[in-house]
Amino acid sequence: MTEPTPLRIGNADREAAAALLRRAGDEGRLTVAEVAERLASAERARTQADLDVLLADLVIPGPTAVQAAVVPA
């Protein structure tokens, strides 16, 4: 069986992931070093799977957390 093609991401996706990582750092879920490392990886991310790995062990509130991180309230 053929594996699905990885979904490419754009700048908005990277920025949303970065916002979630910074929030996790602010909440004490990640150390300063972990935030820096993951932010660097998020900047290099090319697919959704790349971002998923960086966020997999974090509490992400609600299904629209990524959108909320990008769109100001």
Protein backbone atom coordinates (compact mmCIF):
# COMPACT_ATOMS: atom_id res chain seq x y z
CA MET A 1 0.00 0.00 0.00
CA THR A 2 1.27 3.46 -0.87
CA GLU A 3 1.88 5.89 1.97
CA PRO A 4 -0.01 9.19 1.80
CA THR A 5 1.86 12.24 0.56
CA PRO A 6 2.92 14.45 3.47
CA LEU A 7 0.93 17.68 3.69
CA ARG A 8 3.10 20.73 3.02
CA ILE A 9 2.75 23.67 5.40
CA GLY A 10 3.11 27.40 5.00
CA ASN A 11 4.42 30.30 7.04
CA ALA A 12 1.12 30.71 8.91
CA ASP A 13 1.33 27.09 10.08
CA ARG A 14 4.90 27.57 11.30
CA GLU A 15 3.94 30.80 13.08
CA ALA A 16 0.96 29.13 14.76
CA ALA A 17 3.13 26.27 16.00
CA ALA A 18 5.71 28.77 17.27
CA ALA A 19 2.99 30.62 19.19
CA LEU A 20 1.90 27.38 20.83
CA LEU A 21 5.50 26.54 21.74
CA ARG A 22 6.03 29.97 23.28
CA ARG A 23 2.80 29.58 25.23
CA ALA A 24 3.96 26.20 26.52
CA GLY A 25 7.19 27.84 27.66
CA ASP A 26 5.29 30.65 29.37
CA GLU A 27 3.17 28.05 31.18
CA GLY A 28 6.27 26.15 32.34
CA ARG A 29 5.57 23.08 30.21
CA LEU A 30 8.89 23.51 28.37
CA THR A 31 12.25 24.84 29.50
CA VAL A 32 13.81 27.84 27.79
CA ALA A 33 16.21 25.49 26.00
CA GLU A 34 13.38 23.22 24.83
CA VAL A 35 11.42 26.19 23.49
CA ALA A 36 14.48 27.45 21.60
CA GLU A 37 15.20 24.02 20.13
CA ARG A 38 11.62 23.43 19.07
CA LEU A 39 11.26 26.93 17.62
CA ALA A 40 14.32 26.32 15.46
CA SER A 41 12.80 23.03 14.29
CA ALA A 42 9.47 24.72 13.60
CA GLU A 43 11.22 27.27 11.38
CA ARG A 44 12.71 24.41 9.34
CA ALA A 45 9.49 22.37 9.21
CA ARG A 46 8.19 21.53 5.76
CA THR A 47 5.28 19.20 6.51
CA GLN A 48 2.47 18.97 9.04
CA ALA A 49 4.13 15.84 10.40
CA ASP A 50 7.25 17.90 11.20
CA LEU A 51 5.13 20.22 13.35
CA ASP A 52 3.10 17.41 14.89
CA VAL A 53 6.29 15.91 16.38
CA LEU A 54 7.12 19.24 18.05
CA LEU A 55 3.66 19.57 19.62
CA ALA A 56 2.82 15.92 20.36
CA ASP A 57 3.64 15.99 24.09
CA LEU A 58 1.98 19.34 24.82
CA VAL A 59 -1.51 20.16 26.03
CA ILE A 60 -3.21 21.91 23.12
CA PRO A 61 -6.51 23.51 24.14
CA GLY A 62 -9.41 22.87 21.76
CA PRO A 63 -9.47 21.91 18.08
CA THR A 64 -8.80 25.47 16.92
CA ALA A 65 -5.73 26.16 19.06
CA VAL A 66 -3.52 26.75 16.04
CA GLN A 67 -6.03 29.19 14.56
CA ALA A 68 -6.38 30.99 17.89
CA ALA A 69 -2.61 31.42 18.06
CA VAL A 70 -2.60 33.19 14.68
CA VAL A 71 -5.84 35.21 14.81
CA PRO A 72 -5.85 37.89 17.52
CA ALA A 73 -8.89 37.84 19.79
